[in-house]
Amino acid sequence: MLALAACASRPLVFEPLPVTSAPNGRDVVVQVRPLDTRMGGEDRRRYGVDLGAYYSAFVVGVDNRASHALTVDLSSSTLQEASGRVLAVLTDEEVVRGYRSGGGHEGIEVVSKAPAVIKQEVERIRASRVLPATLPPGGRAEGVLLFSPVTGVCGESVLTVKGIEVVEDGRRFEFQFPLTACAATPNVATP
């Protein structure tokens, strides 16, 4: 028996982002890059599923270069679209629903997938996400932040990474990454 899954036009693609350190020095460094899981891409091989077909996704790395432990829970991070709409990081339930609905796009094409493939892809998507952690000095956390797909016109957006706090004194850090989103260009082979 086959279950149905959907896929549709891809969300907008984001241009590469800079590395940013904490506003008060270089104690906390956050690296962010847009995830590109189009066919044949390195991210597609790494994660084993085309996350970019279902979500606007970013790989986030947090390096603790401070002398104190940090708690990292990036679930309060946001992505502001060019239209001004602010998207929250998807919950586990929203991630699964987004996958099953093909990212919630209009004009969905229905593609059949075996239940075992669906189960495997959902597990891979869940495993890719940034998990809450406590980072000792010198520690690092890395994973993917997933948002509802950003669609529409090209424009300026802002990814705000929140949820990094110094355990000892409760100091919180927030990082903003201005970025540009544009429609994906299809991969075209050239002679």
Protein backbone atom coordinates (compact mmCIF):
# COMPACT_ATOMS: atom_id res chain seq x y z
CA MET A 1 0.00 0.00 0.00
CA LEU A 2 1.25 3.50 -0.82
CA ALA A 3 0.59 6.63 1.20
CA LEU A 4 0.39 9.99 -0.51
CA ALA A 5 2.81 12.81 0.08
CA ALA A 6 2.87 16.14 -1.67
CA CYS A 7 5.48 18.32 -3.25
CA ALA A 8 5.17 21.63 -5.00
CA SER A 9 7.16 24.66 -6.06
CA ARG A 10 10.11 25.30 -3.81
CA PRO A 11 10.25 28.01 -1.16
CA LEU A 12 12.39 31.05 -1.91
CA VAL A 13 16.15 30.48 -1.72
CA PHE A 14 18.26 32.59 0.65
CA GLU A 15 21.68 33.97 -0.18
CA PRO A 16 24.63 33.02 2.09
CA LEU A 17 24.89 34.76 5.45
CA PRO A 18 27.86 36.12 7.43
CA VAL A 19 29.24 34.67 10.68
CA THR A 20 28.24 36.84 13.66
CA SER A 21 29.65 37.07 17.17
CA ALA A 22 27.96 38.26 20.36
CA PRO A 23 27.37 42.02 20.51
CA ASN A 24 29.79 42.38 23.46
CA GLY A 25 32.73 40.46 22.07
CA ARG A 26 33.62 37.10 20.64
CA ASP A 27 32.47 34.89 23.52
CA VAL A 28 29.54 33.44 21.62
CA VAL A 29 29.73 32.88 17.88
CA VAL A 30 26.71 31.96 15.78
CA GLN A 31 27.11 30.69 12.23
CA VAL A 32 24.08 30.49 9.98
CA ARG A 33 23.70 29.37 6.41
CA PRO A 34 20.67 28.63 4.29
CA LEU A 35 20.09 24.94 3.75
CA ASP A 36 20.19 23.86 0.11
CA THR A 37 18.88 20.34 -0.38
CA ARG A 38 18.16 20.49 -4.11
CA MET A 39 19.03 17.39 -6.09
CA GLY A 40 22.72 16.57 -5.97
CA GLY A 41 23.57 19.08 -3.25
CA GLU A 42 25.86 18.36 -0.30
CA ASP A 43 23.07 19.14 2.19
CA ARG A 44 20.80 16.67 0.41
CA ARG A 45 23.41 13.94 0.89
CA ARG A 46 24.03 14.96 4.50
CA TYR A 47 20.40 15.02 5.64
CA GLY A 48 19.01 12.41 3.25
CA VAL A 49 15.81 14.29 2.51
CA ASP A 50 14.96 17.42 0.51
CA LEU A 51 14.23 19.72 3.48
CA GLY A 52 14.16 22.74 1.16
CA ALA A 53 11.10 21.36 -0.63
CA TYR A 54 9.03 21.57 2.56
CA TYR A 55 10.53 24.35 4.68
CA SER A 56 12.66 27.47 4.75
CA ALA A 57 15.60 25.94 6.56
CA PHE A 58 18.90 27.18 8.03
CA VAL A 59 21.86 25.31 9.48
CA VAL A 60 22.82 27.03 12.75
CA GLY A 61 26.01 26.48 14.72
CA VAL A 62 26.62 27.99 18.18
CA ASP A 63 30.17 28.04 19.56
CA ASN A 64 30.70 28.76 23.26
CA ARG A 65 34.02 30.60 23.54
CA ALA A 66 33.08 32.02 26.94
CA SER A 67 34.45 30.82 30.25
CA HIS A 68 30.92 29.95 31.45
CA ALA A 69 28.33 27.40 30.34
CA LEU A 70 25.54 28.44 27.98
CA THR A 71 22.03 27.11 27.58
CA VAL A 72 20.91 26.95 23.97
CA ASP A 73 17.24 26.59 23.04
CA LEU A 74 16.68 28.23 19.65
CA SER A 75 12.94 27.45 19.49
CA SER A 76 12.12 31.15 20.03
CA SER A 77 14.07 32.22 16.91
CA THR A 78 12.12 33.95 14.13
CA LEU A 79 12.24 34.60 10.40
CA GLN A 80 10.71 37.86 9.20
CA GLU A 81 9.61 37.75 5.56
CA ALA A 82 9.97 40.67 3.15
CA SER A 83 6.22 41.25 3.60
CA GLY A 84 6.77 41.83 7.34
CA ARG A 85 5.13 38.58 8.41
CA VAL A 86 7.11 36.92 11.22
CA LEU A 87 7.47 33.13 11.19
CA ALA A 88 8.23 31.08 14.30
CA VAL A 89 10.40 27.97 14.38
CA LEU A 90 8.14 25.02 13.64
CA THR A 91 7.18 22.67 16.46
CA ASP A 92 7.57 18.91 16.01
CA GLU A 93 3.88 18.58 15.13
CA GLU A 94 4.10 21.43 12.61
CA VAL A 95 7.21 19.89 11.04
CA VAL A 96 5.40 16.59 10.44
CA ARG A 97 2.27 18.34 9.17
CA GLY A 98 4.40 20.50 6.82
CA TYR A 99 6.09 17.42 5.42
CA ARG A 100 2.82 15.57 4.88
CA SER A 101 1.23 18.57 3.17
CA GLY A 102 4.21 19.23 0.94
CA GLY A 103 5.18 22.39 2.80
CA GLY A 104 1.67 23.82 2.70
CA HIS A 105 2.03 25.21 -0.80
CA GLU A 106 -0.82 26.04 -3.10
CA GLY A 107 -0.94 24.10 -6.39
CA ILE A 108 0.32 20.88 -4.84
CA GLU A 109 1.40 17.95 -6.97
CA VAL A 110 0.65 14.60 -5.39
CA VAL A 111 3.47 12.08 -5.38
CA SER A 112 3.13 8.62 -3.91
CA LYS A 113 5.64 7.37 -1.37
CA ALA A 114 5.77 4.09 0.46
CA PRO A 115 4.92 4.33 4.20
CA ALA A 116 8.46 3.13 5.05
CA VAL A 117 9.94 6.03 3.02
CA ILE A 118 7.64 8.53 4.74
CA LYS A 119 8.60 7.18 8.16
CA GLN A 120 12.32 7.30 7.31
CA GLU A 121 12.16 10.85 5.93
CA VAL A 122 10.20 12.13 8.97
CA GLU A 123 12.83 10.57 11.26
CA ARG A 124 15.62 12.24 9.27
CA ILE A 125 13.87 15.62 9.42
CA ARG A 126 13.42 15.32 13.19
CA ALA A 127 17.06 14.27 13.64
CA SER A 128 18.31 17.31 11.69
CA ARG A 129 16.80 19.88 14.06
CA VAL A 130 18.70 21.92 16.66
CA LEU A 131 18.07 20.39 20.07
CA PRO A 132 18.13 22.32 23.35
CA ALA A 133 21.51 21.86 25.04
CA THR A 134 23.84 23.15 27.73
CA LEU A 135 27.22 23.99 26.24
CA PRO A 136 30.30 23.90 28.46
CA PRO A 137 33.13 26.34 27.65
CA GLY A 138 34.48 25.29 24.25
CA GLY A 139 31.25 23.42 23.40
CA ARG A 140 29.33 23.58 20.14
CA ALA A 141 25.72 22.92 19.13
CA GLU A 142 24.59 22.54 15.53
CA GLY A 143 21.38 21.67 13.76
CA VAL A 144 18.67 22.96 11.48
CA LEU A 145 16.01 25.59 12.17
CA LEU A 146 12.85 24.89 10.17
CA PHE A 147 10.25 27.52 9.28
CA SER A 148 7.12 27.48 7.15
CA PRO A 149 8.15 28.04 3.53
CA VAL A 150 8.82 31.64 2.58
CA THR A 151 7.17 32.19 -0.78
CA GLY A 152 6.12 35.17 -2.82
CA VAL A 153 8.29 37.96 -4.16
CA CYS A 154 12.02 38.33 -3.70
CA GLY A 155 13.05 40.67 -0.95
CA GLU A 156 14.84 41.41 2.28
CA SER A 157 14.18 39.17 5.27
CA VAL A 158 15.68 38.89 8.75
CA LEU A 159 16.57 35.71 10.63
CA THR A 160 16.72 36.36 14.38
CA VAL A 161 18.47 33.67 16.43
CA LYS A 162 17.30 33.77 20.06
CA GLY A 163 17.53 31.48 23.06
CA ILE A 164 21.22 31.60 24.00
CA GLU A 165 21.79 32.37 27.67
CA VAL A 166 24.75 32.38 30.09
CA VAL A 167 23.91 29.88 32.86
CA GLU A 168 25.78 31.79 35.59
CA ASP A 169 24.18 35.22 35.24
CA GLY A 170 21.19 34.81 32.89
CA ARG A 171 22.66 37.12 30.24
CA ARG A 172 20.85 36.52 26.93
CA PHE A 173 22.12 36.89 23.40
CA GLU A 174 20.21 37.65 20.21
CA PHE A 175 21.67 37.64 16.71
CA GLN A 176 20.10 39.15 13.60
CA PHE A 177 21.01 38.08 10.10
CA PRO A 178 19.66 40.29 7.29
CA LEU A 179 19.26 38.22 4.15
CA THR A 180 17.80 38.29 0.69
CA ALA A 181 15.35 35.69 -0.55
CA CYS A 182 14.82 35.02 -4.25
CA ALA A 183 13.10 32.39 -6.32
CA ALA A 184 15.19 29.29 -6.92
CA THR A 185 16.73 28.95 -10.30
CA PRO A 186 16.47 25.46 -11.66
CA ASN A 187 19.63 23.39 -11.86
CA VAL A 188 20.48 23.35 -15.54
CA ALA A 189 23.21 21.20 -16.98
CA THR A 190 25.55 23.01 -19.31
CA PRO A 191 27.69 21.36 -21.97
